[in-house]
Each structure stands twice: as structure tokens, then as C-alpha cells.
N, C-alpha and C. Protein backbone atom coordinates (compact mmCIF):
# COMPACT_ATOMS: atom_id res chain seq x y z
N UNK A 1 0.84 -1.18 0.00
CA UNK A 1 0.00 0.00 0.00
C UNK A 1 0.88 1.23 0.00
N UNK A 2 0.79 1.95 -1.07
CA UNK A 2 1.66 3.10 -1.28
C UNK A 2 1.40 4.24 -0.28
N UNK A 3 0.14 4.48 0.06
CA UNK A 3 -0.19 5.56 1.00
C UNK A 3 0.40 5.29 2.38
N UNK A 4 0.33 4.04 2.81
CA UNK A 4 0.90 3.66 4.11
C UNK A 4 2.42 3.76 4.08
N UNK A 5 3.04 3.28 3.01
CA UNK A 5 4.50 3.35 2.90
C UNK A 5 4.98 4.80 2.89
N UNK A 6 4.29 5.66 2.18
CA UNK A 6 4.66 7.08 2.16
C UNK A 6 4.57 7.70 3.55
N UNK A 7 3.57 7.30 4.31
CA UNK A 7 3.42 7.85 5.67
C UNK A 7 4.53 7.37 6.59
N UNK A 8 4.79 6.07 6.63
CA UNK A 8 5.79 5.55 7.57
C UNK A 8 7.21 5.94 7.18
N UNK A 9 7.45 6.27 5.93
CA UNK A 9 8.78 6.68 5.48
C UNK A 9 9.19 8.02 6.09
N UNK A 10 8.25 8.77 6.60
CA UNK A 10 8.54 10.08 7.21
C UNK A 10 9.19 9.95 8.58
N UNK A 11 9.14 8.78 9.18
CA UNK A 11 9.61 8.59 10.54
C UNK A 11 10.99 7.96 10.58
N UNK A 12 11.76 8.34 11.59
CA UNK A 12 13.07 7.76 11.80
C UNK A 12 12.98 6.48 12.60
N UNK A 13 14.12 5.91 12.92
CA UNK A 13 14.17 4.63 13.63
C UNK A 13 13.99 4.77 15.13
N UNK A 14 13.88 5.99 15.63
CA UNK A 14 13.73 6.22 17.07
C UNK A 14 12.34 5.92 17.59
N UNK A 15 11.35 5.81 16.74
CA UNK A 15 9.98 5.55 17.17
C UNK A 15 9.77 4.03 17.25
N UNK A 16 9.00 3.61 18.25
CA UNK A 16 8.74 2.17 18.39
C UNK A 16 7.69 1.74 17.37
N UNK A 17 7.67 0.44 17.11
CA UNK A 17 6.70 -0.12 16.16
C UNK A 17 5.27 0.14 16.63
N UNK A 18 5.02 -0.02 17.92
CA UNK A 18 3.68 0.17 18.46
C UNK A 18 3.21 1.62 18.28
N UNK A 19 4.10 2.59 18.52
CA UNK A 19 3.75 3.99 18.34
C UNK A 19 3.49 4.30 16.88
N UNK A 20 4.30 3.75 16.00
CA UNK A 20 4.14 4.00 14.58
C UNK A 20 2.85 3.38 14.04
N UNK A 21 2.52 2.19 14.51
CA UNK A 21 1.26 1.55 14.09
C UNK A 21 0.08 2.41 14.53
N UNK A 22 0.13 2.94 15.73
CA UNK A 22 -0.94 3.80 16.23
C UNK A 22 -1.07 5.07 15.40
N UNK A 23 0.05 5.71 15.10
CA UNK A 23 0.02 6.92 14.27
C UNK A 23 -0.48 6.62 12.86
N UNK A 24 -0.04 5.49 12.30
CA UNK A 24 -0.47 5.10 10.95
C UNK A 24 -1.96 4.81 10.93
N UNK A 25 -2.47 4.19 11.99
CA UNK A 25 -3.90 3.91 12.08
C UNK A 25 -4.71 5.20 12.01
N UNK A 26 -4.37 6.16 12.84
CA UNK A 26 -5.12 7.42 12.85
C UNK A 26 -4.98 8.17 11.53
N UNK A 27 -3.81 8.11 10.93
CA UNK A 27 -3.61 8.76 9.63
C UNK A 27 -4.49 8.12 8.55
N UNK A 28 -4.51 6.81 8.51
CA UNK A 28 -5.28 6.12 7.48
C UNK A 28 -6.79 6.31 7.67
N UNK A 29 -7.25 6.29 8.91
CA UNK A 29 -8.67 6.52 9.19
C UNK A 29 -9.06 7.95 8.78
N UNK A 30 -8.18 8.91 9.07
CA UNK A 30 -8.45 10.30 8.71
C UNK A 30 -8.53 10.48 7.20
N UNK A 31 -7.86 9.62 6.45
CA UNK A 31 -7.89 9.70 4.99
C UNK A 31 -8.94 8.79 4.36
N UNK A 32 -9.85 8.26 5.17
CA UNK A 32 -10.99 7.54 4.64
C UNK A 32 -10.83 6.04 4.47
N UNK A 33 -9.75 5.46 4.96
CA UNK A 33 -9.56 4.02 4.86
C UNK A 33 -10.23 3.32 6.04
N UNK A 34 -10.65 2.08 5.85
CA UNK A 34 -11.19 1.25 6.92
C UNK A 34 -9.99 0.53 7.56
N UNK A 35 -9.61 0.95 8.76
CA UNK A 35 -8.39 0.42 9.37
C UNK A 35 -8.65 -0.04 10.79
N UNK A 36 -7.84 -1.00 11.25
CA UNK A 36 -7.85 -1.42 12.64
C UNK A 36 -6.46 -1.93 13.01
N UNK A 37 -6.21 -2.01 14.31
CA UNK A 37 -4.91 -2.45 14.83
C UNK A 37 -5.07 -3.86 15.37
N UNK A 38 -4.10 -4.72 15.06
CA UNK A 38 -4.10 -6.10 15.52
C UNK A 38 -2.90 -6.31 16.43
N UNK A 39 -3.13 -6.64 17.70
CA UNK A 39 -2.08 -6.93 18.67
C UNK A 39 -1.04 -5.82 18.82
N UNK A 40 -1.41 -4.59 18.59
CA UNK A 40 -0.56 -3.41 18.71
C UNK A 40 0.66 -3.42 17.79
N UNK A 41 0.82 -4.45 16.95
CA UNK A 41 2.00 -4.53 16.09
C UNK A 41 1.68 -4.62 14.61
N UNK A 42 0.43 -4.83 14.28
CA UNK A 42 0.03 -4.98 12.88
C UNK A 42 -1.13 -4.04 12.60
N UNK A 43 -1.28 -3.67 11.35
CA UNK A 43 -2.39 -2.81 10.96
C UNK A 43 -3.13 -3.48 9.81
N UNK A 44 -4.44 -3.44 9.91
CA UNK A 44 -5.29 -4.01 8.86
C UNK A 44 -5.99 -2.85 8.18
N UNK A 45 -5.80 -2.76 6.87
CA UNK A 45 -6.40 -1.68 6.09
C UNK A 45 -7.20 -2.30 4.96
N UNK A 46 -8.50 -1.99 4.95
CA UNK A 46 -9.42 -2.51 3.94
C UNK A 46 -9.31 -4.02 3.79
N UNK A 47 -9.17 -4.73 4.92
CA UNK A 47 -9.12 -6.19 4.92
C UNK A 47 -7.76 -6.80 4.67
N UNK A 48 -6.75 -6.01 4.36
CA UNK A 48 -5.39 -6.51 4.12
C UNK A 48 -4.53 -6.27 5.36
N UNK A 49 -3.78 -7.28 5.77
CA UNK A 49 -2.92 -7.16 6.95
C UNK A 49 -1.52 -6.71 6.54
N UNK A 50 -0.99 -5.75 7.29
CA UNK A 50 0.34 -5.21 7.01
C UNK A 50 1.19 -5.23 8.27
N UNK A 51 2.48 -5.43 8.05
CA UNK A 51 3.47 -5.44 9.11
C UNK A 51 4.46 -4.32 8.81
N UNK A 52 4.87 -3.59 9.83
CA UNK A 52 5.87 -2.55 9.66
C UNK A 52 7.21 -3.11 10.13
N UNK A 53 8.22 -2.97 9.29
CA UNK A 53 9.53 -3.54 9.56
C UNK A 53 10.56 -2.42 9.63
N UNK A 54 11.35 -2.44 10.71
CA UNK A 54 12.40 -1.43 10.91
C UNK A 54 13.73 -2.00 10.43
N UNK A 55 14.42 -1.24 9.57
CA UNK A 55 15.70 -1.68 9.04
C UNK A 55 16.66 -0.48 9.02
N UNK A 56 17.88 -0.70 9.45
CA UNK A 56 18.86 0.38 9.40
C UNK A 56 19.17 0.80 7.97
N UNK A 57 19.11 -0.15 7.07
CA UNK A 57 19.42 0.13 5.66
C UNK A 57 18.29 0.87 4.95
N UNK A 58 17.04 0.42 5.17
CA UNK A 58 15.92 0.97 4.42
C UNK A 58 14.96 1.82 5.23
N UNK A 59 15.16 1.95 6.53
CA UNK A 59 14.21 2.66 7.38
C UNK A 59 12.98 1.80 7.60
N UNK A 60 11.81 2.42 7.69
CA UNK A 60 10.57 1.69 7.88
C UNK A 60 10.02 1.23 6.55
N UNK A 61 9.64 -0.03 6.48
CA UNK A 61 9.01 -0.56 5.26
C UNK A 61 7.72 -1.28 5.64
N UNK A 62 6.80 -1.34 4.69
CA UNK A 62 5.52 -2.00 4.89
C UNK A 62 5.55 -3.31 4.13
N UNK A 63 5.12 -4.38 4.82
CA UNK A 63 5.07 -5.70 4.19
C UNK A 63 3.69 -6.31 4.43
N UNK A 64 3.06 -6.76 3.36
CA UNK A 64 1.77 -7.44 3.48
C UNK A 64 2.02 -8.90 3.85
N UNK A 65 1.12 -9.44 4.67
CA UNK A 65 1.25 -10.87 5.00
C UNK A 65 -0.09 -11.52 5.08
């Protein structure tokens, strides 16, 4: 999901995954997406589950699973 990737790319590695998932949830809901949080570590947007992965090389990336 390009909109989610663009949003999480704005953040550095200092933010925790749980905080970033929460911020991404509110951002996506504000932009009209149907979103929910799963176990504080995953975000579900329009029925698709996404995981946020922190990497020193690439920063934050979004992976569907």
C-alpha cells in the first residue's frame, strides 16, 4: 500500500513499532480508509494485513502478510 509506505517513510528509527502503528492507524482513518490495529503490532487496512519492519538500511518498510 503506497499511501501507508509514504506515511511511515517520514519517521526515523527512534519511534517504536507500536507507536508508529498507532500513528499510521489514525492517519489512514483520517484519509478515509477502513483500518484497525491487531495486537498493537500490525495494521489491517481494507481487509489486508500489514506489518511494519524497521531496518537500518531501508528505514521503515511496509510488508503485506
